[in-house]
Amino acid sequence: MPKAINRTFAGALAVSLGLSLAACGGMPQNASLYSTKQPVVERTNYTLDLQSGAGGLPISEQQRLADWFETVDLRYGDRVAIDDATASGPVREAIGKLAARHGLLLSEGAPVTVGFVQPGTVRVVVTRSVAEVPGCPDWSAKSDMNYANGTHPNYGCAVNSNMAAMVANPEDLISGQTGTGETVIMSSSKAINSYREQAPTGAGALTSSATGGN
């Protein structure tokens, strides 16, 4: 009788130790098909203060700005804004032309930055967003047991990490591009409509031609 009790106790102890080890190994807990690993977008503001005048930006300051754009590698996805208390038109035009060399338009409204813009100066703000998926790859689930019937913690890491790495504008992961309401269907189908509306060559009457005979 004592041997039977010892065997029962040993079996229960083995099961409890197995469950404990499985829990330590990290069983999948996400029972849905939604990935818990999602892209996170971080924004960074780069600023440059320039001396401005009534006639706009001096040539020397325009050269400084052009060199700065090259240094920060201004590219698609970046936002260029101007913090100018005077809202000078010539200043905005000069900065806009330099940004246009990189294929960018000036954004309306500048983000809040550290420091005060001194009178007689204008601040150019470049906002850059970077997307990444924290916690990927995740191989924390080392147990073969899956009592919750959950997906692996690494589920979604490959797709979401590749999307975060390849998207041209990380801001699109937060809010996609808004349409303008214009459509290209009418222009793209002009050639087809012209072909369909063209009258057949044999639709008209046959022209008479004088022919000679022997």
N, C-alpha and C. Protein backbone atom coordinates (compact mmCIF):
# COMPACT_ATOMS: atom_id res chain seq x y z
N MET A 1 0.82 -1.21 0.00
CA MET A 1 0.00 0.00 0.00
C MET A 1 0.85 1.26 0.00
N PRO A 2 1.88 1.35 0.81
CA PRO A 2 2.72 2.55 0.76
C PRO A 2 3.37 2.74 -0.59
N LYS A 3 3.72 1.62 -1.27
CA LYS A 3 4.34 1.75 -2.58
C LYS A 3 3.40 2.39 -3.58
N ALA A 4 2.10 2.02 -3.52
CA ALA A 4 1.12 2.62 -4.43
C ALA A 4 0.99 4.11 -4.18
N ILE A 5 0.99 4.49 -2.90
CA ILE A 5 0.90 5.92 -2.57
C ILE A 5 2.12 6.66 -3.10
N ASN A 6 3.28 6.05 -2.97
CA ASN A 6 4.50 6.69 -3.45
C ASN A 6 4.48 6.85 -4.95
N ARG A 7 3.96 5.83 -5.67
CA ARG A 7 3.89 5.92 -7.12
C ARG A 7 2.93 7.02 -7.56
N THR A 8 1.77 7.14 -6.88
CA THR A 8 0.81 8.19 -7.22
C THR A 8 1.42 9.57 -6.99
N PHE A 9 2.11 9.72 -5.87
CA PHE A 9 2.75 11.01 -5.56
C PHE A 9 3.84 11.34 -6.57
N ALA A 10 4.60 10.33 -6.97
CA ALA A 10 5.66 10.55 -7.94
C ALA A 10 5.10 10.95 -9.30
N GLY A 11 3.96 10.31 -9.69
CA GLY A 11 3.34 10.68 -10.96
C GLY A 11 2.83 12.10 -10.95
N ALA A 12 2.17 12.50 -9.86
CA ALA A 12 1.67 13.87 -9.76
C ALA A 12 2.80 14.87 -9.76
N LEU A 13 3.89 14.54 -9.08
CA LEU A 13 5.05 15.43 -9.05
C LEU A 13 5.66 15.59 -10.43
N ALA A 14 5.72 14.50 -11.21
CA ALA A 14 6.27 14.58 -12.56
C ALA A 14 5.42 15.45 -13.46
N VAL A 15 4.07 15.32 -13.34
CA VAL A 15 3.17 16.15 -14.14
C VAL A 15 3.33 17.62 -13.79
N SER A 16 3.38 17.92 -12.49
CA SER A 16 3.51 19.30 -12.06
C SER A 16 4.83 19.90 -12.50
N LEU A 17 5.91 19.11 -12.42
CA LEU A 17 7.19 19.60 -12.90
C LEU A 17 7.18 19.82 -14.40
N GLY A 18 6.49 18.94 -15.14
CA GLY A 18 6.39 19.11 -16.59
C GLY A 18 5.66 20.39 -16.96
N LEU A 19 4.55 20.66 -16.24
CA LEU A 19 3.80 21.89 -16.50
C LEU A 19 4.62 23.11 -16.16
N SER A 20 5.38 23.04 -15.06
CA SER A 20 6.21 24.16 -14.66
C SER A 20 7.29 24.44 -15.69
N LEU A 21 7.93 23.38 -16.18
CA LEU A 21 8.96 23.56 -17.19
C LEU A 21 8.39 24.08 -18.50
N ALA A 22 7.18 23.61 -18.84
CA ALA A 22 6.54 24.10 -20.06
C ALA A 22 6.23 25.58 -19.94
N ALA A 23 5.77 26.00 -18.73
CA ALA A 23 5.48 27.42 -18.53
C ALA A 23 6.74 28.24 -18.59
N CYS A 24 7.84 27.71 -18.03
CA CYS A 24 9.11 28.43 -18.08
C CYS A 24 9.61 28.55 -19.51
N GLY A 25 9.36 27.52 -20.31
CA GLY A 25 9.81 27.55 -21.69
C GLY A 25 9.03 28.52 -22.53
N GLY A 26 7.85 28.95 -22.10
CA GLY A 26 7.07 29.93 -22.84
C GLY A 26 6.16 29.31 -23.86
N MET A 27 4.99 28.88 -23.44
CA MET A 27 4.01 28.36 -24.39
C MET A 27 3.32 29.52 -25.09
N PRO A 28 2.92 29.37 -26.36
CA PRO A 28 2.18 30.43 -27.05
C PRO A 28 0.88 30.74 -26.32
N GLN A 29 0.59 32.01 -26.16
CA GLN A 29 -0.61 32.44 -25.45
C GLN A 29 -1.59 33.20 -26.33
N ASN A 30 -1.16 33.62 -27.51
CA ASN A 30 -2.04 34.38 -28.41
C ASN A 30 -2.94 33.41 -29.16
N ALA A 31 -4.22 33.34 -28.76
CA ALA A 31 -5.15 32.40 -29.37
C ALA A 31 -5.80 32.94 -30.63
N SER A 32 -5.51 34.19 -31.01
CA SER A 32 -6.10 34.77 -32.21
C SER A 32 -5.14 34.64 -33.38
N LEU A 33 -5.58 35.06 -34.55
CA LEU A 33 -4.74 35.06 -35.74
C LEU A 33 -4.15 36.43 -36.02
N TYR A 34 -4.25 37.33 -35.05
CA TYR A 34 -3.66 38.66 -35.18
C TYR A 34 -2.27 38.65 -34.57
N SER A 35 -1.32 39.19 -35.27
CA SER A 35 0.05 39.21 -34.77
C SER A 35 0.19 40.26 -33.68
N THR A 36 0.88 39.89 -32.62
CA THR A 36 1.17 40.85 -31.55
C THR A 36 2.37 41.71 -31.88
N LYS A 37 3.09 41.39 -32.92
CA LYS A 37 4.26 42.16 -33.34
C LYS A 37 3.84 43.10 -34.47
N GLN A 38 3.70 44.36 -34.15
CA GLN A 38 3.24 45.35 -35.11
C GLN A 38 4.30 46.43 -35.30
N PRO A 39 4.35 47.05 -36.51
CA PRO A 39 5.33 48.12 -36.74
C PRO A 39 5.07 49.33 -35.84
N VAL A 40 6.14 49.93 -35.39
CA VAL A 40 6.09 51.15 -34.58
C VAL A 40 6.83 52.24 -35.35
N VAL A 41 6.17 53.38 -35.51
CA VAL A 41 6.75 54.49 -36.27
C VAL A 41 7.26 55.55 -35.30
N GLU A 42 8.51 55.93 -35.46
CA GLU A 42 9.13 56.96 -34.63
C GLU A 42 9.51 58.15 -35.50
N ARG A 43 9.26 59.36 -34.98
CA ARG A 43 9.57 60.59 -35.71
C ARG A 43 10.75 61.30 -35.06
N THR A 44 11.59 61.87 -35.91
CA THR A 44 12.73 62.67 -35.44
C THR A 44 12.74 63.98 -36.22
N ASN A 45 12.91 65.09 -35.50
CA ASN A 45 12.96 66.41 -36.11
C ASN A 45 14.40 66.91 -36.17
N TYR A 46 14.81 67.34 -37.37
CA TYR A 46 16.12 67.97 -37.57
C TYR A 46 15.87 69.44 -37.91
N THR A 47 16.61 70.33 -37.27
CA THR A 47 16.36 71.76 -37.44
C THR A 47 17.62 72.49 -37.87
N LEU A 48 17.43 73.57 -38.60
CA LEU A 48 18.52 74.45 -39.02
C LEU A 48 17.99 75.87 -39.03
N ASP A 49 18.65 76.76 -38.31
CA ASP A 49 18.27 78.18 -38.26
C ASP A 49 19.09 78.96 -39.28
N LEU A 50 18.38 79.78 -40.07
CA LEU A 50 19.01 80.57 -41.12
C LEU A 50 18.71 82.05 -40.92
N GLN A 51 19.66 82.88 -41.33
CA GLN A 51 19.44 84.32 -41.30
C GLN A 51 18.61 84.73 -42.51
N SER A 52 17.56 85.48 -42.25
CA SER A 52 16.67 85.91 -43.34
C SER A 52 16.61 87.43 -43.37
N GLY A 53 16.23 87.94 -44.53
CA GLY A 53 16.09 89.38 -44.70
C GLY A 53 14.81 89.71 -45.42
N ALA A 54 14.62 90.99 -45.71
CA ALA A 54 13.40 91.43 -46.38
C ALA A 54 13.30 90.85 -47.78
N GLY A 55 14.45 90.63 -48.41
CA GLY A 55 14.44 90.11 -49.77
C GLY A 55 14.47 88.60 -49.84
N GLY A 56 14.39 87.93 -48.69
CA GLY A 56 14.41 86.47 -48.68
C GLY A 56 15.67 85.95 -48.03
N LEU A 57 16.16 84.83 -48.50
CA LEU A 57 17.38 84.23 -47.97
C LEU A 57 18.59 84.70 -48.77
N PRO A 58 19.65 85.15 -48.10
CA PRO A 58 20.88 85.48 -48.83
C PRO A 58 21.43 84.25 -49.53
N ILE A 59 22.27 84.47 -50.53
CA ILE A 59 22.85 83.38 -51.28
C ILE A 59 23.67 82.47 -50.39
N SER A 60 24.39 83.06 -49.43
CA SER A 60 25.21 82.26 -48.53
C SER A 60 24.35 81.32 -47.68
N GLU A 61 23.18 81.81 -47.24
CA GLU A 61 22.29 80.98 -46.43
C GLU A 61 21.61 79.91 -47.29
N GLN A 62 21.33 80.24 -48.53
CA GLN A 62 20.78 79.22 -49.43
C GLN A 62 21.79 78.10 -49.67
N GLN A 63 23.07 78.48 -49.77
CA GLN A 63 24.10 77.46 -49.94
C GLN A 63 24.21 76.60 -48.69
N ARG A 64 24.09 77.20 -47.51
CA ARG A 64 24.12 76.44 -46.26
C ARG A 64 22.96 75.44 -46.22
N LEU A 65 21.79 75.90 -46.62
CA LEU A 65 20.61 75.03 -46.60
C LEU A 65 20.76 73.89 -47.60
N ALA A 66 21.28 74.18 -48.78
CA ALA A 66 21.47 73.14 -49.79
C ALA A 66 22.45 72.09 -49.29
N ASP A 67 23.55 72.54 -48.65
CA ASP A 67 24.52 71.59 -48.11
C ASP A 67 23.92 70.78 -46.97
N TRP A 68 23.06 71.41 -46.17
CA TRP A 68 22.43 70.70 -45.05
C TRP A 68 21.47 69.63 -45.55
N PHE A 69 20.71 69.95 -46.59
CA PHE A 69 19.82 68.95 -47.18
C PHE A 69 20.62 67.75 -47.69
N GLU A 70 21.79 68.00 -48.26
CA GLU A 70 22.62 66.90 -48.73
C GLU A 70 23.16 66.09 -47.55
N THR A 71 23.49 66.78 -46.47
CA THR A 71 24.06 66.09 -45.31
C THR A 71 23.06 65.17 -44.64
N VAL A 72 21.82 65.64 -44.50
CA VAL A 72 20.79 64.81 -43.85
C VAL A 72 20.17 63.83 -44.82
N ASP A 73 20.64 63.85 -46.08
CA ASP A 73 20.13 62.93 -47.11
C ASP A 73 18.62 63.06 -47.25
N LEU A 74 18.18 64.27 -47.56
CA LEU A 74 16.75 64.54 -47.72
C LEU A 74 16.18 63.66 -48.81
N ARG A 75 15.06 62.97 -48.51
CA ARG A 75 14.51 61.99 -49.46
C ARG A 75 13.01 61.89 -49.29
N TYR A 76 12.42 61.08 -50.16
CA TYR A 76 10.97 60.86 -50.12
C TYR A 76 10.57 60.29 -48.76
N GLY A 77 9.47 60.80 -48.24
CA GLY A 77 9.01 60.40 -46.92
C GLY A 77 9.30 61.44 -45.86
N ASP A 78 10.33 62.29 -46.11
CA ASP A 78 10.63 63.38 -45.19
C ASP A 78 9.63 64.52 -45.39
N ARG A 79 9.42 65.27 -44.31
CA ARG A 79 8.56 66.45 -44.38
C ARG A 79 9.40 67.68 -44.07
N VAL A 80 9.28 68.69 -44.92
CA VAL A 80 10.03 69.93 -44.75
C VAL A 80 9.04 71.03 -44.39
N ALA A 81 9.27 71.68 -43.25
CA ALA A 81 8.39 72.75 -42.79
C ALA A 81 9.23 73.96 -42.40
N ILE A 82 8.60 75.11 -42.33
CA ILE A 82 9.28 76.37 -42.01
C ILE A 82 8.64 76.98 -40.78
N ASP A 83 9.46 77.33 -39.82
CA ASP A 83 9.00 78.06 -38.63
C ASP A 83 9.48 79.50 -38.77
N ASP A 84 8.59 80.34 -39.28
CA ASP A 84 8.93 81.73 -39.57
C ASP A 84 7.80 82.61 -39.06
N ALA A 85 8.11 83.44 -38.07
CA ALA A 85 7.08 84.29 -37.48
C ALA A 85 6.58 85.33 -38.46
N THR A 86 7.41 85.77 -39.40
CA THR A 86 7.01 86.80 -40.35
C THR A 86 6.27 86.23 -41.56
N ALA A 87 6.32 84.92 -41.74
CA ALA A 87 5.68 84.27 -42.88
C ALA A 87 6.07 84.95 -44.19
N SER A 88 7.36 85.13 -44.37
CA SER A 88 7.88 85.82 -45.54
C SER A 88 7.69 84.96 -46.79
N GLY A 89 7.09 85.57 -47.80
CA GLY A 89 6.88 84.87 -49.06
C GLY A 89 8.18 84.55 -49.79
N PRO A 90 9.10 85.54 -49.93
CA PRO A 90 10.37 85.24 -50.61
C PRO A 90 11.20 84.16 -49.90
N VAL A 91 11.14 84.13 -48.56
CA VAL A 91 11.88 83.10 -47.82
C VAL A 91 11.30 81.73 -48.11
N ARG A 92 9.99 81.64 -48.07
CA ARG A 92 9.33 80.36 -48.34
C ARG A 92 9.60 79.90 -49.77
N GLU A 93 9.62 80.84 -50.70
CA GLU A 93 9.87 80.48 -52.09
C GLU A 93 11.29 79.94 -52.27
N ALA A 94 12.26 80.58 -51.62
CA ALA A 94 13.65 80.14 -51.76
C ALA A 94 13.84 78.76 -51.15
N ILE A 95 13.26 78.53 -49.97
CA ILE A 95 13.39 77.22 -49.34
C ILE A 95 12.64 76.16 -50.14
N GLY A 96 11.49 76.53 -50.68
CA GLY A 96 10.71 75.60 -51.48
C GLY A 96 11.45 75.14 -52.73
N LYS A 97 12.19 76.04 -53.36
CA LYS A 97 12.94 75.66 -54.55
C LYS A 97 14.06 74.68 -54.22
N LEU A 98 14.72 74.88 -53.08
CA LEU A 98 15.79 73.96 -52.69
C LEU A 98 15.22 72.59 -52.31
N ALA A 99 14.05 72.57 -51.66
CA ALA A 99 13.43 71.29 -51.33
C ALA A 99 12.93 70.58 -52.58
N ALA A 100 12.51 71.35 -53.57
CA ALA A 100 12.00 70.75 -54.81
C ALA A 100 13.09 70.01 -55.57
N ARG A 101 14.35 70.36 -55.35
CA ARG A 101 15.44 69.63 -55.99
C ARG A 101 15.48 68.17 -55.54
N HIS A 102 14.93 67.92 -54.36
CA HIS A 102 14.88 66.56 -53.82
C HIS A 102 13.50 65.94 -54.00
N GLY A 103 12.65 66.59 -54.79
CA GLY A 103 11.32 66.05 -55.07
C GLY A 103 10.33 66.21 -53.95
N LEU A 104 10.51 67.22 -53.09
CA LEU A 104 9.62 67.41 -51.95
C LEU A 104 8.97 68.78 -52.00
N LEU A 105 7.74 68.84 -51.47
CA LEU A 105 7.02 70.09 -51.32
C LEU A 105 7.02 70.49 -49.85
N LEU A 106 6.88 71.78 -49.61
CA LEU A 106 6.85 72.27 -48.23
C LEU A 106 5.53 71.91 -47.57
N SER A 107 5.61 71.51 -46.32
CA SER A 107 4.42 71.16 -45.55
C SER A 107 3.88 72.39 -44.84
N GLU A 108 2.59 72.40 -44.64
CA GLU A 108 1.95 73.50 -43.93
C GLU A 108 2.05 73.26 -42.43
N GLY A 109 2.54 74.26 -41.71
CA GLY A 109 2.66 74.15 -40.26
C GLY A 109 3.90 73.39 -39.85
N ALA A 110 4.65 73.97 -38.93
CA ALA A 110 5.89 73.35 -38.46
C ALA A 110 5.65 72.70 -37.11
N PRO A 111 6.27 71.55 -36.84
CA PRO A 111 6.14 70.93 -35.53
C PRO A 111 6.84 71.74 -34.45
N VAL A 112 6.46 71.49 -33.21
CA VAL A 112 7.07 72.20 -32.09
C VAL A 112 8.47 71.65 -31.87
N THR A 113 9.44 72.55 -31.82
CA THR A 113 10.84 72.16 -31.63
C THR A 113 11.41 72.87 -30.41
N VAL A 114 12.56 72.40 -29.97
CA VAL A 114 13.21 72.96 -28.78
C VAL A 114 13.87 74.30 -29.12
N GLY A 115 13.73 75.25 -28.23
CA GLY A 115 14.38 76.54 -28.43
C GLY A 115 13.46 77.57 -29.07
N PHE A 116 13.92 78.82 -29.03
CA PHE A 116 13.15 79.95 -29.56
C PHE A 116 13.78 80.44 -30.85
N VAL A 117 12.97 80.71 -31.83
CA VAL A 117 13.45 81.23 -33.10
C VAL A 117 13.70 82.72 -32.94
N GLN A 118 14.95 83.12 -33.02
CA GLN A 118 15.31 84.52 -32.81
C GLN A 118 14.78 85.40 -33.94
N PRO A 119 14.48 86.65 -33.65
CA PRO A 119 14.04 87.58 -34.71
C PRO A 119 15.10 87.71 -35.80
N GLY A 120 14.65 87.76 -37.02
CA GLY A 120 15.57 87.84 -38.14
C GLY A 120 16.09 86.51 -38.61
N THR A 121 15.59 85.43 -38.02
CA THR A 121 16.00 84.09 -38.43
C THR A 121 14.76 83.27 -38.77
N VAL A 122 14.98 82.24 -39.53
CA VAL A 122 13.92 81.31 -39.90
C VAL A 122 14.44 79.91 -39.64
N ARG A 123 13.58 79.05 -39.14
CA ARG A 123 13.98 77.69 -38.80
C ARG A 123 13.37 76.71 -39.81
N VAL A 124 14.22 75.90 -40.39
CA VAL A 124 13.79 74.85 -41.31
C VAL A 124 13.77 73.54 -40.53
N VAL A 125 12.65 72.84 -40.58
CA VAL A 125 12.46 71.61 -39.82
C VAL A 125 12.23 70.47 -40.79
N VAL A 126 13.07 69.44 -40.70
CA VAL A 126 12.91 68.23 -41.47
C VAL A 126 12.46 67.13 -40.52
N THR A 127 11.29 66.58 -40.77
CA THR A 127 10.73 65.51 -39.95
C THR A 127 10.90 64.20 -40.69
N ARG A 128 11.58 63.26 -40.04
CA ARG A 128 11.83 61.95 -40.65
C ARG A 128 11.24 60.86 -39.77
N SER A 129 10.56 59.94 -40.39
CA SER A 129 9.93 58.83 -39.67
C SER A 129 10.63 57.53 -40.03
N VAL A 130 10.78 56.68 -39.03
CA VAL A 130 11.41 55.37 -39.19
C VAL A 130 10.49 54.33 -38.59
N ALA A 131 10.29 53.22 -39.30
CA ALA A 131 9.41 52.14 -38.83
C ALA A 131 10.23 50.91 -38.51
N GLU A 132 9.90 50.26 -37.42
CA GLU A 132 10.51 49.00 -37.04
C GLU A 132 9.52 48.20 -36.21
N VAL A 133 9.80 46.92 -36.06
CA VAL A 133 8.93 46.03 -35.29
C VAL A 133 9.70 45.58 -34.05
N PRO A 134 9.40 46.15 -32.88
CA PRO A 134 10.13 45.77 -31.67
C PRO A 134 9.88 44.31 -31.29
N GLY A 135 10.91 43.68 -30.78
CA GLY A 135 10.78 42.32 -30.29
C GLY A 135 10.88 41.24 -31.34
N CYS A 136 11.24 41.59 -32.57
CA CYS A 136 11.38 40.59 -33.63
C CYS A 136 12.84 40.39 -33.97
N PRO A 137 13.23 39.16 -34.22
CA PRO A 137 12.45 37.92 -34.13
C PRO A 137 12.25 37.49 -32.68
N ASP A 138 11.23 36.68 -32.45
CA ASP A 138 10.87 36.23 -31.10
C ASP A 138 10.78 34.71 -31.10
N TRP A 139 11.80 34.08 -30.52
CA TRP A 139 11.84 32.62 -30.42
C TRP A 139 11.72 32.20 -28.96
N SER A 140 10.93 32.95 -28.19
CA SER A 140 10.83 32.68 -26.76
C SER A 140 10.04 31.41 -26.45
N ALA A 141 9.17 30.97 -27.34
CA ALA A 141 8.38 29.76 -27.09
C ALA A 141 9.23 28.54 -27.43
N LYS A 142 9.72 27.87 -26.40
CA LYS A 142 10.58 26.71 -26.59
C LYS A 142 9.90 25.40 -26.22
N SER A 143 8.64 25.47 -25.83
CA SER A 143 7.93 24.27 -25.41
C SER A 143 7.10 23.71 -26.57
N ASP A 144 7.05 22.39 -26.64
CA ASP A 144 6.21 21.74 -27.66
C ASP A 144 4.75 21.73 -27.24
N MET A 145 4.47 22.01 -25.98
CA MET A 145 3.09 22.02 -25.50
C MET A 145 2.42 23.34 -25.87
N ASN A 146 1.16 23.25 -26.24
CA ASN A 146 0.41 24.43 -26.64
C ASN A 146 -1.03 24.29 -26.15
N TYR A 147 -1.21 24.42 -24.84
CA TYR A 147 -2.53 24.21 -24.25
C TYR A 147 -3.52 25.30 -24.64
N ALA A 148 -3.03 26.50 -24.96
CA ALA A 148 -3.92 27.61 -25.33
C ALA A 148 -4.23 27.62 -26.82
N ASN A 149 -3.64 26.67 -27.57
CA ASN A 149 -3.83 26.63 -29.03
C ASN A 149 -3.49 27.99 -29.64
N GLY A 150 -2.39 28.56 -29.19
CA GLY A 150 -2.00 29.89 -29.62
C GLY A 150 -1.00 29.87 -30.76
N THR A 151 -0.87 31.01 -31.42
CA THR A 151 0.11 31.16 -32.49
C THR A 151 1.48 31.44 -31.87
N HIS A 152 2.50 31.11 -32.61
CA HIS A 152 3.87 31.28 -32.12
C HIS A 152 4.16 32.77 -31.89
N PRO A 153 4.96 33.11 -30.86
CA PRO A 153 5.28 34.53 -30.62
C PRO A 153 5.96 35.21 -31.80
N ASN A 154 6.61 34.44 -32.66
CA ASN A 154 7.26 35.02 -33.83
C ASN A 154 6.31 35.21 -35.01
N TYR A 155 5.06 34.83 -34.82
CA TYR A 155 4.06 34.94 -35.89
C TYR A 155 3.88 36.40 -36.30
N GLY A 156 4.03 36.68 -37.57
CA GLY A 156 3.87 38.03 -38.10
C GLY A 156 5.15 38.83 -38.17
N CYS A 157 6.23 38.33 -37.59
CA CYS A 157 7.48 39.09 -37.58
C CYS A 157 8.04 39.28 -38.99
N ALA A 158 8.01 38.23 -39.79
CA ALA A 158 8.60 38.31 -41.12
C ALA A 158 7.86 39.32 -41.99
N VAL A 159 6.53 39.20 -42.04
CA VAL A 159 5.74 40.08 -42.91
C VAL A 159 5.83 41.53 -42.45
N ASN A 160 5.60 41.76 -41.16
CA ASN A 160 5.58 43.13 -40.66
C ASN A 160 6.96 43.77 -40.67
N SER A 161 8.01 43.00 -40.41
CA SER A 161 9.36 43.56 -40.46
C SER A 161 9.74 43.94 -41.89
N ASN A 162 9.39 43.10 -42.85
CA ASN A 162 9.67 43.43 -44.25
C ASN A 162 8.87 44.64 -44.71
N MET A 163 7.63 44.74 -44.27
CA MET A 163 6.81 45.89 -44.64
C MET A 163 7.39 47.18 -44.06
N ALA A 164 7.81 47.11 -42.80
CA ALA A 164 8.39 48.30 -42.15
C ALA A 164 9.70 48.70 -42.81
N ALA A 165 10.45 47.72 -43.32
CA ALA A 165 11.74 48.02 -43.94
C ALA A 165 11.58 48.54 -45.37
N MET A 166 10.55 48.12 -46.08
CA MET A 166 10.43 48.44 -47.50
C MET A 166 9.50 49.61 -47.78
N VAL A 167 8.62 49.99 -46.85
CA VAL A 167 7.68 51.06 -47.14
C VAL A 167 8.45 52.36 -47.37
N ALA A 168 8.13 53.05 -48.46
CA ALA A 168 8.85 54.26 -48.81
C ALA A 168 8.58 55.38 -47.82
N ASN A 169 7.35 55.51 -47.39
CA ASN A 169 6.98 56.55 -46.43
C ASN A 169 6.41 55.86 -45.19
N PRO A 170 7.16 55.77 -44.10
CA PRO A 170 6.65 55.09 -42.90
C PRO A 170 5.36 55.68 -42.36
N GLU A 171 5.08 56.94 -42.66
CA GLU A 171 3.84 57.56 -42.20
C GLU A 171 2.62 56.85 -42.77
N ASP A 172 2.79 56.18 -43.91
CA ASP A 172 1.67 55.46 -44.52
C ASP A 172 1.21 54.29 -43.66
N LEU A 173 2.07 53.81 -42.76
CA LEU A 173 1.66 52.73 -41.85
C LEU A 173 0.69 53.24 -40.79
N ILE A 174 0.70 54.55 -40.54
CA ILE A 174 -0.22 55.14 -39.56
C ILE A 174 -1.51 55.57 -40.25
N SER A 175 -1.36 56.30 -41.32
CA SER A 175 -2.51 56.77 -42.08
C SER A 175 -2.14 56.76 -43.55
N GLY A 176 -2.88 56.01 -44.34
CA GLY A 176 -2.57 55.88 -45.76
C GLY A 176 -2.79 57.18 -46.51
N GLN A 177 -2.32 57.20 -47.74
CA GLN A 177 -2.47 58.38 -48.58
C GLN A 177 -3.94 58.62 -48.90
N THR A 178 -4.35 59.87 -48.86
CA THR A 178 -5.73 60.23 -49.19
C THR A 178 -5.84 60.53 -50.68
N GLY A 179 -6.91 60.07 -51.28
CA GLY A 179 -7.12 60.30 -52.70
C GLY A 179 -7.56 61.72 -52.99
N THR A 180 -7.34 62.15 -54.22
CA THR A 180 -7.72 63.50 -54.64
C THR A 180 -9.11 63.54 -55.27
N GLY A 181 -9.71 62.38 -55.49
CA GLY A 181 -11.01 62.34 -56.14
C GLY A 181 -10.93 62.24 -57.64
N GLU A 182 -9.73 62.42 -58.19
CA GLU A 182 -9.55 62.33 -59.64
C GLU A 182 -9.35 60.87 -60.03
N THR A 183 -9.74 60.57 -61.24
CA THR A 183 -9.60 59.21 -61.74
C THR A 183 -8.91 59.24 -63.09
N VAL A 184 -8.20 58.18 -63.39
CA VAL A 184 -7.49 58.10 -64.67
C VAL A 184 -8.19 57.13 -65.61
N ILE A 185 -9.38 56.68 -65.22
CA ILE A 185 -10.08 55.70 -66.06
C ILE A 185 -10.45 56.31 -67.40
N MET A 186 -10.95 57.55 -67.36
CA MET A 186 -11.38 58.17 -68.61
C MET A 186 -10.21 58.37 -69.56
N SER A 187 -9.09 58.82 -69.04
CA SER A 187 -7.94 59.06 -69.92
C SER A 187 -7.31 57.76 -70.39
N SER A 188 -7.32 56.74 -69.52
CA SER A 188 -6.69 55.47 -69.91
C SER A 188 -7.53 54.71 -70.92
N SER A 189 -8.82 55.00 -70.98
CA SER A 189 -9.68 54.28 -71.92
C SER A 189 -9.96 55.06 -73.20
N LYS A 190 -9.26 56.18 -73.41
CA LYS A 190 -9.49 56.97 -74.62
C LYS A 190 -9.14 56.18 -75.87
N ALA A 191 -8.03 55.46 -75.82
CA ALA A 191 -7.62 54.70 -77.01
C ALA A 191 -8.62 53.60 -77.32
N ILE A 192 -9.15 52.97 -76.29
CA ILE A 192 -10.12 51.90 -76.50
C ILE A 192 -11.41 52.47 -77.09
N ASN A 193 -11.88 53.60 -76.52
CA ASN A 193 -13.11 54.21 -77.05
C ASN A 193 -12.93 54.68 -78.48
N SER A 194 -11.76 55.22 -78.79
CA SER A 194 -11.51 55.67 -80.16
C SER A 194 -11.55 54.48 -81.12
N TYR A 195 -11.00 53.36 -80.72
CA TYR A 195 -11.00 52.17 -81.58
C TYR A 195 -12.43 51.66 -81.78
N ARG A 196 -13.24 51.69 -80.70
CA ARG A 196 -14.60 51.17 -80.80
C ARG A 196 -15.50 52.08 -81.62
N GLU A 197 -15.28 53.40 -81.52
CA GLU A 197 -16.15 54.35 -82.21
C GLU A 197 -15.73 54.60 -83.66
N GLN A 198 -14.60 54.09 -84.04
CA GLN A 198 -14.13 54.29 -85.42
C GLN A 198 -15.03 53.53 -86.39
N ALA A 199 -15.49 54.22 -87.41
CA ALA A 199 -16.36 53.59 -88.41
C ALA A 199 -15.56 52.58 -89.23
N PRO A 200 -16.19 51.44 -89.54
CA PRO A 200 -15.48 50.44 -90.36
C PRO A 200 -15.14 51.00 -91.73
N THR A 201 -14.07 50.54 -92.29
CA THR A 201 -13.62 51.07 -93.60
C THR A 201 -14.59 50.73 -94.72
N GLY A 202 -15.35 49.65 -94.59
CA GLY A 202 -16.27 49.27 -95.66
C GLY A 202 -17.68 49.75 -95.45
N ALA A 203 -17.87 50.68 -94.50
CA ALA A 203 -19.23 51.13 -94.21
C ALA A 203 -19.77 52.04 -95.30
N GLY A 204 -18.92 52.84 -95.94
CA GLY A 204 -19.38 53.78 -96.97
C GLY A 204 -19.59 53.09 -98.31
N ALA A 205 -20.14 53.87 -99.25
CA ALA A 205 -20.36 53.33 -100.59
C ALA A 205 -19.02 53.15 -101.30
N LEU A 206 -19.02 52.14 -102.17
CA LEU A 206 -17.80 51.89 -102.93
C LEU A 206 -17.63 52.96 -104.00
N THR A 207 -16.44 53.43 -104.15
CA THR A 207 -16.17 54.45 -105.16
C THR A 207 -16.06 53.77 -106.52
N SER A 208 -16.64 54.42 -107.54
CA SER A 208 -16.58 53.88 -108.91
C SER A 208 -15.25 54.27 -109.55
N SER A 209 -14.72 53.36 -110.24
CA SER A 209 -13.44 53.63 -110.93
C SER A 209 -13.56 53.17 -112.37
N ALA A 210 -13.03 53.96 -113.26
CA ALA A 210 -13.08 53.63 -114.70
C ALA A 210 -12.05 52.57 -115.02
N THR A 211 -12.53 51.54 -115.57
CA THR A 211 -11.61 50.46 -115.96
C THR A 211 -11.75 50.19 -117.44
N GLY A 212 -10.70 49.95 -118.10
CA GLY A 212 -10.70 49.64 -119.54
C GLY A 212 -10.76 48.14 -119.79
N GLY A 213 -11.34 47.75 -120.89
CA GLY A 213 -11.41 46.34 -121.23
C GLY A 213 -10.98 46.07 -122.66
N ASN A 214 -10.75 44.88 -122.98
CA ASN A 214 -10.36 44.52 -124.33
C ASN A 214 -11.61 44.19 -125.14
